[in-house]
Each structure stands twice: as C-alpha cells, then as structure tokens.
Amino acid sequence: MGPFSQFDGGLSGDSEHRGSDHVTVLLGLGIAGIALLALSLLFDGILEGLLGDALGGLLNGFFDGLLSLPVIAGFLSMLGFGGAIVLGTTGAGIPVALAAGAVAGVVAAWLTWKFSQALMRDQTTATPRGDDLVGTSGSVVTPIPADGYGEVLLRLAGQTVKFSAKSAVPVERGAEIWVEATLSTTSVTVRPVER
C-alpha cells in the first residue's frame, strides 16, 4: 500500500472502508435532521423571518413555510437516512444513493409542508367572552337572596359552567333564570324567568 492507494480505484481493498464512511456521513445527515427537528420546536420561523426581509421584503411570504425548520429537517433526515439505506442495501454507489435520498427528502419536505399548512388552517372558534352570556338561560343551584349571591349553572361554549349570581329579587333553587349582565369572569346578574 503506497501513499496513493486511496486513489487506486478500490484495488487495494479499501472500497468497503470508504463505503462505510459514506454510510456514516449519510447517517450523520439523518441524525442532524432529527436534531434540527427538535430545535425547530424552539426556533421555527427564524429562517422565514431572516430571509423574508431580504431584498427589501421582496421575498416576504414568498416561501410561505417552505423554509421552515421542520420542512428542512424532513428533507435533511430523509436525504441522509434514505441515502444510507440505498447505499447499504444495494451498493449502487454514492451518486445513486444521494439521488434516492434527495427524492425521499423532497417527498418528506413536501409532506411536512402540506401537513403544517393543514394544521395552520385548522382554526378554532372564537374564545367565549363574558358578554356572550348575556341573554342565556340557566338554572339556580344555590338559592339567591335579594341583593345577595347564589349560584347558577349556565351553558358556555357547549359546557355547563357554574357562576356566582346576583339578583334584585330572591330566586329559589331550581328556578329558571336569564342572564342580564356579567359582573366579572365568574359572576353574573340574573333575573327569574316569568312564565
């Protein structure tokens, strides 16, 4: 083995060693992608923020999530792991392994991008506010003395919630009431329903 044995085209028996080095590098890329995915929990949006203001804001919104850390992490992970699998199982060579890994990386990046867009579109309804209670009906669970406090059950956003309640007139337990006003986040002014 001479000083130029690394350039002899694998005739010296080092081709297996170089192949394992390539697999190690590809696995390292895959692991780096997983680490980047973990970091994206803290730093997602940084690349879009940095590059969005480039060129005087010309690119702002252009990438629309394509440069998010989860998308890049998905590409990098699949490039590494996919390339390592192809290289380790077929022995086809590093160019084929990189091409296969790149295809798998593009698919993973696209799926990650589409999944994150779907999650961002999944908006919930507005958070209920105290004013949403005005006009709702409920029932008294603790009798309300005149100008004193008792307790009522009201439906708020599909859930039964207990509120402190004040009324100008006494209201017995089990009576149906209407909410006239909200006093705070936990108390309301009510009046009995007259039928």
N, C-alpha and C. Protein backbone atom coordinates (compact mmCIF):
# COMPACT_ATOMS: atom_id res chain seq x y z
N MET A 1 0.83 -1.16 0.00
CA MET A 1 0.00 0.00 0.00
C MET A 1 0.88 1.23 0.00
N GLY A 2 0.77 2.03 -1.03
CA GLY A 2 1.58 3.23 -1.13
C GLY A 2 0.80 4.44 -0.70
N PRO A 3 1.45 5.60 -0.79
CA PRO A 3 0.78 6.83 -0.35
C PRO A 3 -0.40 7.21 -1.24
N PHE A 4 -0.48 6.62 -2.44
CA PHE A 4 -1.58 6.96 -3.36
C PHE A 4 -2.61 5.83 -3.45
N SER A 5 -2.61 4.94 -2.48
CA SER A 5 -3.53 3.80 -2.55
C SER A 5 -4.99 4.23 -2.46
N GLN A 6 -5.26 5.39 -1.89
CA GLN A 6 -6.65 5.85 -1.82
C GLN A 6 -7.19 6.23 -3.18
N PHE A 7 -6.31 6.42 -4.17
CA PHE A 7 -6.75 6.81 -5.50
C PHE A 7 -6.65 5.68 -6.51
N ASP A 8 -6.47 4.45 -6.04
CA ASP A 8 -6.27 3.35 -6.98
C ASP A 8 -7.57 2.71 -7.43
N GLY A 9 -8.71 3.34 -7.13
CA GLY A 9 -9.99 2.85 -7.62
C GLY A 9 -10.50 1.66 -6.85
N GLY A 10 -10.01 1.45 -5.63
CA GLY A 10 -10.52 0.38 -4.80
C GLY A 10 -9.78 -0.93 -5.00
N LEU A 11 -8.68 -0.93 -5.73
CA LEU A 11 -7.95 -2.16 -5.97
C LEU A 11 -7.26 -2.65 -4.72
N SER A 12 -7.05 -1.80 -3.73
CA SER A 12 -6.32 -2.20 -2.54
C SER A 12 -7.21 -2.79 -1.46
N GLY A 13 -8.51 -2.89 -1.68
CA GLY A 13 -9.40 -3.45 -0.68
C GLY A 13 -9.98 -2.42 0.26
N ASP A 14 -9.73 -1.14 0.02
CA ASP A 14 -10.26 -0.09 0.87
C ASP A 14 -11.65 0.37 0.46
N SER A 15 -12.21 -0.19 -0.60
CA SER A 15 -13.51 0.29 -1.08
C SER A 15 -14.60 0.03 -0.04
N GLU A 16 -14.52 -1.10 0.69
CA GLU A 16 -15.51 -1.35 1.73
C GLU A 16 -15.40 -0.32 2.83
N HIS A 17 -14.19 0.07 3.17
CA HIS A 17 -13.99 1.07 4.21
C HIS A 17 -14.56 2.42 3.77
N ARG A 18 -14.32 2.79 2.51
CA ARG A 18 -14.86 4.05 2.01
C ARG A 18 -16.38 4.00 1.93
N GLY A 19 -16.95 2.85 1.59
CA GLY A 19 -18.40 2.71 1.55
C GLY A 19 -19.01 2.89 2.94
N SER A 20 -18.37 2.34 3.95
CA SER A 20 -18.89 2.52 5.31
C SER A 20 -18.73 3.97 5.76
N ASP A 21 -17.70 4.66 5.27
CA ASP A 21 -17.56 6.09 5.58
C ASP A 21 -18.72 6.88 4.98
N HIS A 22 -19.12 6.52 3.76
CA HIS A 22 -20.23 7.21 3.12
C HIS A 22 -21.53 6.97 3.88
N VAL A 23 -21.74 5.72 4.32
CA VAL A 23 -22.94 5.40 5.10
C VAL A 23 -22.93 6.20 6.40
N THR A 24 -21.77 6.31 7.03
CA THR A 24 -21.65 7.07 8.27
C THR A 24 -22.00 8.53 8.05
N VAL A 25 -21.52 9.11 6.95
CA VAL A 25 -21.83 10.50 6.65
C VAL A 25 -23.33 10.67 6.39
N LEU A 26 -23.92 9.75 5.64
CA LEU A 26 -25.35 9.83 5.37
C LEU A 26 -26.19 9.67 6.64
N LEU A 27 -25.79 8.74 7.50
CA LEU A 27 -26.49 8.59 8.77
C LEU A 27 -26.33 9.85 9.63
N GLY A 28 -25.16 10.47 9.55
CA GLY A 28 -24.95 11.73 10.27
C GLY A 28 -25.88 12.82 9.78
N LEU A 29 -26.12 12.87 8.45
CA LEU A 29 -27.08 13.83 7.91
C LEU A 29 -28.49 13.56 8.44
N GLY A 30 -28.85 12.29 8.50
CA GLY A 30 -30.16 11.93 9.02
C GLY A 30 -30.33 12.32 10.48
N ILE A 31 -29.30 12.07 11.27
CA ILE A 31 -29.34 12.43 12.68
C ILE A 31 -29.36 13.94 12.84
N ALA A 32 -28.61 14.65 12.00
CA ALA A 32 -28.63 16.11 12.05
C ALA A 32 -30.03 16.65 11.74
N GLY A 33 -30.73 16.00 10.81
CA GLY A 33 -32.11 16.39 10.51
C GLY A 33 -33.02 16.20 11.69
N ILE A 34 -32.85 15.10 12.42
CA ILE A 34 -33.67 14.86 13.62
C ILE A 34 -33.35 15.91 14.69
N ALA A 35 -32.06 16.24 14.85
CA ALA A 35 -31.69 17.28 15.82
C ALA A 35 -32.28 18.62 15.42
N LEU A 36 -32.26 18.92 14.12
CA LEU A 36 -32.85 20.17 13.63
C LEU A 36 -34.36 20.19 13.87
N LEU A 37 -34.99 19.05 13.74
CA LEU A 37 -36.42 18.96 14.02
C LEU A 37 -36.69 19.26 15.49
N ALA A 38 -35.85 18.74 16.38
CA ALA A 38 -36.00 19.04 17.80
C ALA A 38 -35.79 20.53 18.07
N LEU A 39 -34.80 21.12 17.41
CA LEU A 39 -34.55 22.56 17.59
C LEU A 39 -35.67 23.41 17.01
N SER A 40 -36.39 22.88 16.03
CA SER A 40 -37.46 23.66 15.41
C SER A 40 -38.60 23.92 16.39
N LEU A 41 -38.69 23.12 17.45
CA LEU A 41 -39.71 23.39 18.46
C LEU A 41 -39.46 24.75 19.12
N LEU A 42 -38.20 25.16 19.19
CA LEU A 42 -37.85 26.44 19.79
C LEU A 42 -37.68 27.55 18.77
N PHE A 43 -37.10 27.23 17.62
CA PHE A 43 -36.65 28.27 16.70
C PHE A 43 -37.39 28.30 15.36
N ASP A 44 -38.54 27.69 15.24
CA ASP A 44 -39.25 27.68 13.97
C ASP A 44 -39.65 29.10 13.57
N GLY A 45 -39.52 29.42 12.32
CA GLY A 45 -39.86 30.74 11.80
C GLY A 45 -38.67 31.66 11.67
N ILE A 46 -37.50 31.26 12.17
CA ILE A 46 -36.33 32.13 12.12
C ILE A 46 -35.86 32.33 10.68
N LEU A 47 -35.77 31.26 9.91
CA LEU A 47 -35.30 31.40 8.53
C LEU A 47 -36.27 32.24 7.71
N GLU A 48 -37.55 32.00 7.90
CA GLU A 48 -38.53 32.80 7.16
C GLU A 48 -38.44 34.27 7.56
N GLY A 49 -38.20 34.53 8.84
CA GLY A 49 -38.06 35.89 9.31
C GLY A 49 -36.81 36.56 8.78
N LEU A 50 -35.71 35.83 8.74
CA LEU A 50 -34.46 36.40 8.25
C LEU A 50 -34.50 36.62 6.74
N LEU A 51 -34.98 35.62 6.01
CA LEU A 51 -34.99 35.73 4.55
C LEU A 51 -36.19 36.50 4.02
N GLY A 52 -37.24 36.62 4.83
CA GLY A 52 -38.42 37.35 4.39
C GLY A 52 -38.15 38.84 4.24
N ASP A 53 -37.22 39.36 5.03
CA ASP A 53 -36.88 40.77 4.95
C ASP A 53 -35.73 41.03 3.97
N ALA A 54 -35.18 39.97 3.39
CA ALA A 54 -34.08 40.15 2.43
C ALA A 54 -34.61 40.83 1.17
N LEU A 55 -33.78 41.53 0.50
CA LEU A 55 -34.11 42.24 -0.74
C LEU A 55 -35.26 43.22 -0.53
N GLY A 56 -35.24 43.90 0.60
CA GLY A 56 -36.26 44.91 0.86
C GLY A 56 -37.65 44.33 1.07
N GLY A 57 -37.74 43.12 1.57
CA GLY A 57 -39.04 42.50 1.82
C GLY A 57 -39.65 41.85 0.59
N LEU A 58 -38.90 41.77 -0.50
CA LEU A 58 -39.41 41.20 -1.73
C LEU A 58 -39.80 39.73 -1.56
N LEU A 59 -39.04 39.02 -0.72
CA LEU A 59 -39.31 37.59 -0.51
C LEU A 59 -40.29 37.33 0.62
N ASN A 60 -40.80 38.38 1.26
CA ASN A 60 -41.69 38.21 2.39
C ASN A 60 -42.96 37.47 1.95
N GLY A 61 -43.19 36.31 2.53
CA GLY A 61 -44.35 35.50 2.20
C GLY A 61 -44.17 34.63 0.97
N PHE A 62 -43.06 34.79 0.25
CA PHE A 62 -42.85 34.04 -0.98
C PHE A 62 -42.69 32.55 -0.69
N PHE A 63 -41.93 32.24 0.34
CA PHE A 63 -41.67 30.83 0.64
C PHE A 63 -42.84 30.19 1.40
N ASP A 64 -43.60 30.97 2.13
CA ASP A 64 -44.81 30.51 2.80
C ASP A 64 -44.65 29.15 3.48
N GLY A 65 -43.64 29.03 4.32
CA GLY A 65 -43.42 27.81 5.06
C GLY A 65 -42.44 26.85 4.43
N LEU A 66 -42.01 27.11 3.19
CA LEU A 66 -41.06 26.20 2.54
C LEU A 66 -39.70 26.21 3.23
N LEU A 67 -39.35 27.30 3.86
CA LEU A 67 -38.07 27.38 4.56
C LEU A 67 -38.23 27.22 6.06
N SER A 68 -39.31 26.61 6.49
CA SER A 68 -39.47 26.37 7.92
C SER A 68 -38.52 25.26 8.34
N LEU A 69 -38.11 25.31 9.60
CA LEU A 69 -37.17 24.30 10.08
C LEU A 69 -37.71 22.88 10.01
N PRO A 70 -38.99 22.62 10.27
CA PRO A 70 -39.47 21.24 10.13
C PRO A 70 -39.37 20.72 8.69
N VAL A 71 -39.60 21.60 7.70
CA VAL A 71 -39.50 21.18 6.30
C VAL A 71 -38.05 20.85 5.96
N ILE A 72 -37.13 21.71 6.36
CA ILE A 72 -35.71 21.46 6.10
C ILE A 72 -35.24 20.22 6.85
N ALA A 73 -35.71 20.05 8.08
CA ALA A 73 -35.34 18.86 8.86
C ALA A 73 -35.86 17.58 8.20
N GLY A 74 -37.07 17.62 7.67
CA GLY A 74 -37.61 16.45 6.97
C GLY A 74 -36.79 16.10 5.75
N PHE A 75 -36.40 17.13 4.97
CA PHE A 75 -35.58 16.89 3.80
C PHE A 75 -34.23 16.31 4.19
N LEU A 76 -33.57 16.94 5.16
CA LEU A 76 -32.23 16.51 5.56
C LEU A 76 -32.25 15.09 6.13
N SER A 77 -33.24 14.79 6.96
CA SER A 77 -33.33 13.45 7.54
C SER A 77 -33.52 12.39 6.47
N MET A 78 -34.43 12.62 5.56
CA MET A 78 -34.68 11.61 4.53
C MET A 78 -33.55 11.52 3.52
N LEU A 79 -32.88 12.64 3.25
CA LEU A 79 -31.69 12.59 2.40
C LEU A 79 -30.66 11.66 3.02
N GLY A 80 -30.41 11.85 4.30
CA GLY A 80 -29.41 11.02 4.98
C GLY A 80 -29.84 9.59 5.16
N PHE A 81 -30.99 9.37 5.77
CA PHE A 81 -31.43 8.00 6.05
C PHE A 81 -31.77 7.24 4.77
N GLY A 82 -32.45 7.89 3.83
CA GLY A 82 -32.77 7.24 2.56
C GLY A 82 -31.52 6.88 1.78
N GLY A 83 -30.57 7.82 1.73
CA GLY A 83 -29.31 7.54 1.03
C GLY A 83 -28.54 6.41 1.70
N ALA A 84 -28.52 6.38 3.03
CA ALA A 84 -27.82 5.31 3.75
C ALA A 84 -28.47 3.96 3.50
N ILE A 85 -29.78 3.93 3.44
CA ILE A 85 -30.48 2.66 3.18
C ILE A 85 -30.15 2.15 1.78
N VAL A 86 -30.23 3.04 0.80
CA VAL A 86 -29.93 2.63 -0.58
C VAL A 86 -28.48 2.19 -0.70
N LEU A 87 -27.56 2.94 -0.14
CA LEU A 87 -26.14 2.59 -0.23
C LEU A 87 -25.84 1.29 0.51
N GLY A 88 -26.44 1.11 1.67
CA GLY A 88 -26.18 -0.09 2.46
C GLY A 88 -26.81 -1.35 1.91
N THR A 89 -27.96 -1.22 1.24
CA THR A 89 -28.65 -2.42 0.77
C THR A 89 -28.33 -2.77 -0.67
N THR A 90 -28.03 -1.77 -1.49
CA THR A 90 -27.79 -2.08 -2.90
C THR A 90 -26.33 -2.00 -3.30
N GLY A 91 -25.56 -1.19 -2.61
CA GLY A 91 -24.18 -0.99 -3.01
C GLY A 91 -24.05 -0.31 -4.36
N ALA A 92 -25.09 0.45 -4.76
CA ALA A 92 -25.13 1.05 -6.08
C ALA A 92 -24.16 2.22 -6.24
N GLY A 93 -23.65 2.74 -5.17
CA GLY A 93 -22.72 3.85 -5.25
C GLY A 93 -23.32 5.11 -4.66
N ILE A 94 -22.42 6.02 -4.35
CA ILE A 94 -22.85 7.24 -3.67
C ILE A 94 -23.73 8.14 -4.54
N PRO A 95 -23.50 8.27 -5.87
CA PRO A 95 -24.39 9.13 -6.65
C PRO A 95 -25.84 8.62 -6.66
N VAL A 96 -26.02 7.32 -6.80
CA VAL A 96 -27.37 6.74 -6.80
C VAL A 96 -28.00 6.90 -5.42
N ALA A 97 -27.21 6.66 -4.37
CA ALA A 97 -27.71 6.79 -3.01
C ALA A 97 -28.13 8.23 -2.71
N LEU A 98 -27.32 9.19 -3.16
CA LEU A 98 -27.68 10.60 -2.95
C LEU A 98 -28.93 10.98 -3.73
N ALA A 99 -29.05 10.48 -4.95
CA ALA A 99 -30.24 10.78 -5.76
C ALA A 99 -31.49 10.20 -5.11
N ALA A 100 -31.41 8.95 -4.65
CA ALA A 100 -32.55 8.33 -3.99
C ALA A 100 -32.89 9.05 -2.69
N GLY A 101 -31.86 9.42 -1.94
CA GLY A 101 -32.08 10.17 -0.70
C GLY A 101 -32.69 11.54 -0.97
N ALA A 102 -32.25 12.19 -2.04
CA ALA A 102 -32.79 13.51 -2.39
C ALA A 102 -34.27 13.40 -2.77
N VAL A 103 -34.63 12.36 -3.53
CA VAL A 103 -36.03 12.15 -3.89
C VAL A 103 -36.87 11.92 -2.63
N ALA A 104 -36.38 11.06 -1.74
CA ALA A 104 -37.09 10.80 -0.49
C ALA A 104 -37.16 12.08 0.35
N GLY A 105 -36.09 12.89 0.32
CA GLY A 105 -36.07 14.14 1.07
C GLY A 105 -37.08 15.14 0.54
N VAL A 106 -37.20 15.25 -0.77
CA VAL A 106 -38.18 16.17 -1.36
C VAL A 106 -39.60 15.72 -1.01
N VAL A 107 -39.86 14.42 -1.05
CA VAL A 107 -41.19 13.92 -0.69
C VAL A 107 -41.49 14.21 0.78
N ALA A 108 -40.52 13.96 1.65
CA ALA A 108 -40.72 14.22 3.08
C ALA A 108 -40.92 15.70 3.34
N ALA A 109 -40.15 16.55 2.68
CA ALA A 109 -40.28 18.00 2.85
C ALA A 109 -41.65 18.47 2.37
N TRP A 110 -42.10 17.98 1.23
CA TRP A 110 -43.41 18.37 0.70
C TRP A 110 -44.53 17.94 1.63
N LEU A 111 -44.45 16.69 2.14
CA LEU A 111 -45.47 16.19 3.06
C LEU A 111 -45.48 17.00 4.36
N THR A 112 -44.30 17.34 4.85
CA THR A 112 -44.21 18.15 6.06
C THR A 112 -44.83 19.52 5.84
N TRP A 113 -44.55 20.12 4.70
CA TRP A 113 -45.08 21.44 4.36
C TRP A 113 -46.61 21.39 4.27
N LYS A 114 -47.14 20.38 3.57
CA LYS A 114 -48.59 20.25 3.42
C LYS A 114 -49.27 19.98 4.77
N PHE A 115 -48.65 19.13 5.58
CA PHE A 115 -49.22 18.83 6.89
C PHE A 115 -49.24 20.07 7.77
N SER A 116 -48.17 20.86 7.75
CA SER A 116 -48.14 22.08 8.57
C SER A 116 -49.15 23.10 8.07
N GLN A 117 -49.36 23.17 6.75
CA GLN A 117 -50.39 24.07 6.22
C GLN A 117 -51.78 23.64 6.68
N ALA A 118 -52.03 22.33 6.68
CA ALA A 118 -53.33 21.83 7.12
C ALA A 118 -53.54 22.14 8.60
N LEU A 119 -52.50 22.02 9.40
CA LEU A 119 -52.63 22.34 10.82
C LEU A 119 -52.87 23.82 11.05
N MET A 120 -52.24 24.66 10.25
CA MET A 120 -52.41 26.10 10.41
C MET A 120 -53.81 26.55 9.98
N ARG A 121 -54.42 25.83 9.05
CA ARG A 121 -55.78 26.17 8.62
C ARG A 121 -56.83 25.72 9.63
N ASP A 122 -56.48 24.81 10.50
CA ASP A 122 -57.42 24.26 11.47
C ASP A 122 -57.59 25.23 12.64
N GLN A 123 -58.35 26.28 12.39
CA GLN A 123 -58.58 27.31 13.41
C GLN A 123 -59.80 26.94 14.24
N THR A 124 -59.76 27.31 15.49
CA THR A 124 -60.90 27.05 16.36
C THR A 124 -61.83 28.26 16.35
N THR A 125 -62.97 28.10 16.93
CA THR A 125 -63.90 29.22 17.03
C THR A 125 -63.37 30.22 18.05
N ALA A 126 -63.95 31.38 18.05
CA ALA A 126 -63.51 32.43 18.97
C ALA A 126 -63.73 32.00 20.42
N THR A 127 -62.84 32.43 21.27
CA THR A 127 -62.96 32.13 22.69
C THR A 127 -64.16 32.87 23.26
N PRO A 128 -65.01 32.18 24.02
CA PRO A 128 -66.18 32.86 24.56
C PRO A 128 -65.77 33.96 25.55
N ARG A 129 -66.54 35.04 25.54
CA ARG A 129 -66.31 36.15 26.46
C ARG A 129 -67.51 36.26 27.38
N GLY A 130 -67.37 37.08 28.40
CA GLY A 130 -68.45 37.26 29.36
C GLY A 130 -69.70 37.82 28.72
N ASP A 131 -69.54 38.69 27.71
CA ASP A 131 -70.71 39.26 27.04
C ASP A 131 -71.53 38.20 26.32
N ASP A 132 -70.91 37.07 25.99
CA ASP A 132 -71.63 36.00 25.31
C ASP A 132 -72.69 35.37 26.22
N LEU A 133 -72.56 35.58 27.54
CA LEU A 133 -73.52 35.01 28.48
C LEU A 133 -74.82 35.80 28.56
N VAL A 134 -74.78 37.08 28.24
CA VAL A 134 -75.96 37.93 28.37
C VAL A 134 -77.07 37.38 27.47
N GLY A 135 -78.24 37.15 28.08
CA GLY A 135 -79.38 36.62 27.34
C GLY A 135 -79.50 35.12 27.39
N THR A 136 -78.55 34.42 27.97
CA THR A 136 -78.65 32.96 28.05
C THR A 136 -79.48 32.57 29.26
N SER A 137 -80.03 31.38 29.19
CA SER A 137 -80.83 30.89 30.32
C SER A 137 -80.02 29.87 31.10
N GLY A 138 -80.44 29.67 32.32
CA GLY A 138 -79.77 28.71 33.18
C GLY A 138 -80.68 28.34 34.32
N SER A 139 -80.12 27.63 35.30
CA SER A 139 -80.93 27.24 36.46
C SER A 139 -80.14 27.53 37.73
N VAL A 140 -80.88 27.81 38.78
CA VAL A 140 -80.28 28.15 40.07
C VAL A 140 -79.93 26.85 40.80
N VAL A 141 -78.70 26.76 41.32
CA VAL A 141 -78.29 25.59 42.09
C VAL A 141 -78.12 25.92 43.57
N THR A 142 -77.85 27.18 43.88
CA THR A 142 -77.81 27.66 45.26
C THR A 142 -78.74 28.86 45.31
N PRO A 143 -79.74 28.86 46.17
CA PRO A 143 -80.72 29.96 46.20
C PRO A 143 -80.05 31.34 46.27
N ILE A 144 -80.64 32.30 45.57
CA ILE A 144 -80.10 33.65 45.52
C ILE A 144 -80.99 34.55 46.38
N PRO A 145 -80.43 35.12 47.47
CA PRO A 145 -81.23 36.07 48.26
C PRO A 145 -81.32 37.41 47.55
N ALA A 146 -82.27 38.24 47.95
CA ALA A 146 -82.41 39.57 47.34
C ALA A 146 -81.12 40.36 47.58
N ASP A 147 -80.55 40.90 46.52
CA ASP A 147 -79.29 41.66 46.54
C ASP A 147 -78.14 40.87 47.16
N GLY A 148 -78.22 39.55 47.13
CA GLY A 148 -77.14 38.70 47.61
C GLY A 148 -76.68 37.77 46.49
N TYR A 149 -75.76 36.90 46.83
CA TYR A 149 -75.20 35.99 45.83
C TYR A 149 -75.64 34.55 46.07
N GLY A 150 -75.89 33.86 44.98
CA GLY A 150 -76.15 32.43 44.96
C GLY A 150 -75.34 31.86 43.80
N GLU A 151 -75.74 30.68 43.33
CA GLU A 151 -75.00 30.06 42.20
C GLU A 151 -75.98 29.57 41.14
N VAL A 152 -75.55 29.71 39.88
CA VAL A 152 -76.36 29.25 38.75
C VAL A 152 -75.49 28.41 37.82
N LEU A 153 -76.15 27.52 37.08
CA LEU A 153 -75.48 26.75 36.03
C LEU A 153 -75.88 27.34 34.68
N LEU A 154 -74.87 27.65 33.87
CA LEU A 154 -75.09 28.22 32.54
C LEU A 154 -74.32 27.39 31.52
N ARG A 155 -74.78 27.45 30.28
CA ARG A 155 -74.07 26.76 29.19
C ARG A 155 -73.21 27.80 28.49
N LEU A 156 -71.91 27.54 28.46
CA LEU A 156 -70.96 28.42 27.80
C LEU A 156 -70.09 27.59 26.88
N ALA A 157 -70.18 27.86 25.58
CA ALA A 157 -69.41 27.13 24.56
C ALA A 157 -69.64 25.63 24.66
N GLY A 158 -70.88 25.24 24.90
CA GLY A 158 -71.22 23.83 24.94
C GLY A 158 -70.92 23.15 26.26
N GLN A 159 -70.40 23.87 27.23
CA GLN A 159 -70.07 23.29 28.53
C GLN A 159 -70.96 23.91 29.60
N THR A 160 -71.34 23.10 30.58
CA THR A 160 -72.09 23.62 31.72
C THR A 160 -71.08 24.18 32.71
N VAL A 161 -71.27 25.47 33.07
CA VAL A 161 -70.34 26.15 33.96
C VAL A 161 -71.14 26.77 35.11
N LYS A 162 -70.58 26.69 36.33
CA LYS A 162 -71.22 27.28 37.49
C LYS A 162 -70.69 28.70 37.69
N PHE A 163 -71.61 29.65 37.87
CA PHE A 163 -71.26 31.06 38.10
C PHE A 163 -71.91 31.52 39.40
N SER A 164 -71.25 32.47 40.05
CA SER A 164 -71.90 33.19 41.15
C SER A 164 -72.92 34.11 40.51
N ALA A 165 -74.07 34.25 41.17
CA ALA A 165 -75.15 35.04 40.58
C ALA A 165 -75.76 35.96 41.61
N LYS A 166 -76.09 37.16 41.15
CA LYS A 166 -76.74 38.17 41.98
C LYS A 166 -78.07 38.51 41.32
N SER A 167 -79.08 38.77 42.17
CA SER A 167 -80.40 39.12 41.65
C SER A 167 -81.02 40.17 42.56
N ALA A 168 -81.86 41.02 41.96
CA ALA A 168 -82.54 42.07 42.74
C ALA A 168 -83.66 41.48 43.59
N VAL A 169 -84.16 40.32 43.17
CA VAL A 169 -85.23 39.65 43.93
C VAL A 169 -84.74 38.26 44.32
N PRO A 170 -85.30 37.69 45.38
CA PRO A 170 -84.88 36.33 45.75
C PRO A 170 -85.31 35.30 44.70
N VAL A 171 -84.42 34.32 44.44
CA VAL A 171 -84.71 33.27 43.45
C VAL A 171 -84.43 31.93 44.12
N GLU A 172 -85.41 31.04 44.06
CA GLU A 172 -85.31 29.72 44.70
C GLU A 172 -84.46 28.75 43.87
N ARG A 173 -83.99 27.72 44.55
CA ARG A 173 -83.21 26.66 43.89
C ARG A 173 -84.08 25.97 42.84
N GLY A 174 -83.50 25.71 41.65
CA GLY A 174 -84.19 25.02 40.57
C GLY A 174 -84.93 25.96 39.63
N ALA A 175 -85.05 27.24 39.98
CA ALA A 175 -85.76 28.19 39.12
C ALA A 175 -84.95 28.48 37.87
N GLU A 176 -85.68 28.74 36.77
CA GLU A 176 -85.01 29.12 35.52
C GLU A 176 -84.73 30.61 35.56
N ILE A 177 -83.54 31.00 35.09
CA ILE A 177 -83.15 32.41 35.12
C ILE A 177 -82.62 32.83 33.75
N TRP A 178 -82.54 34.16 33.57
CA TRP A 178 -81.91 34.77 32.40
C TRP A 178 -80.75 35.62 32.89
N VAL A 179 -79.67 35.62 32.14
CA VAL A 179 -78.52 36.46 32.49
C VAL A 179 -78.76 37.85 31.92
N GLU A 180 -78.71 38.86 32.81
CA GLU A 180 -78.89 40.25 32.38
C GLU A 180 -77.55 40.94 32.09
N ALA A 181 -76.52 40.62 32.88
CA ALA A 181 -75.21 41.27 32.71
C ALA A 181 -74.13 40.40 33.34
N THR A 182 -72.91 40.64 32.92
CA THR A 182 -71.77 39.95 33.55
C THR A 182 -71.09 40.95 34.48
N LEU A 183 -70.85 40.52 35.71
CA LEU A 183 -70.18 41.37 36.69
C LEU A 183 -68.67 41.16 36.67
N SER A 184 -68.26 39.92 36.45
CA SER A 184 -66.84 39.57 36.36
C SER A 184 -66.74 38.28 35.55
N THR A 185 -65.57 37.70 35.52
CA THR A 185 -65.41 36.45 34.76
C THR A 185 -66.09 35.28 35.45
N THR A 186 -66.46 35.44 36.72
CA THR A 186 -67.09 34.34 37.45
C THR A 186 -68.45 34.67 38.03
N SER A 187 -68.95 35.88 37.80
CA SER A 187 -70.25 36.23 38.37
C SER A 187 -71.11 36.99 37.36
N VAL A 188 -72.44 36.81 37.53
CA VAL A 188 -73.41 37.41 36.61
C VAL A 188 -74.58 37.99 37.40
N THR A 189 -75.30 38.90 36.76
CA THR A 189 -76.57 39.39 37.30
C THR A 189 -77.68 38.67 36.54
N VAL A 190 -78.68 38.13 37.31
CA VAL A 190 -79.72 37.35 36.67
C VAL A 190 -81.09 37.86 37.11
N ARG A 191 -82.11 37.44 36.39
CA ARG A 191 -83.49 37.68 36.79
C ARG A 191 -84.26 36.39 36.53
N PRO A 192 -85.27 36.13 37.35
CA PRO A 192 -86.06 34.90 37.15
C PRO A 192 -86.91 35.01 35.88
N VAL A 193 -87.07 33.87 35.23
CA VAL A 193 -87.94 33.81 34.06
C VAL A 193 -89.37 33.69 34.54
N GLU A 194 -90.23 34.57 34.02
CA GLU A 194 -91.64 34.54 34.42
C GLU A 194 -92.43 33.94 33.27
N ARG A 195 -93.19 32.90 33.58
CA ARG A 195 -93.97 32.20 32.54
C ARG A 195 -95.42 32.33 32.80
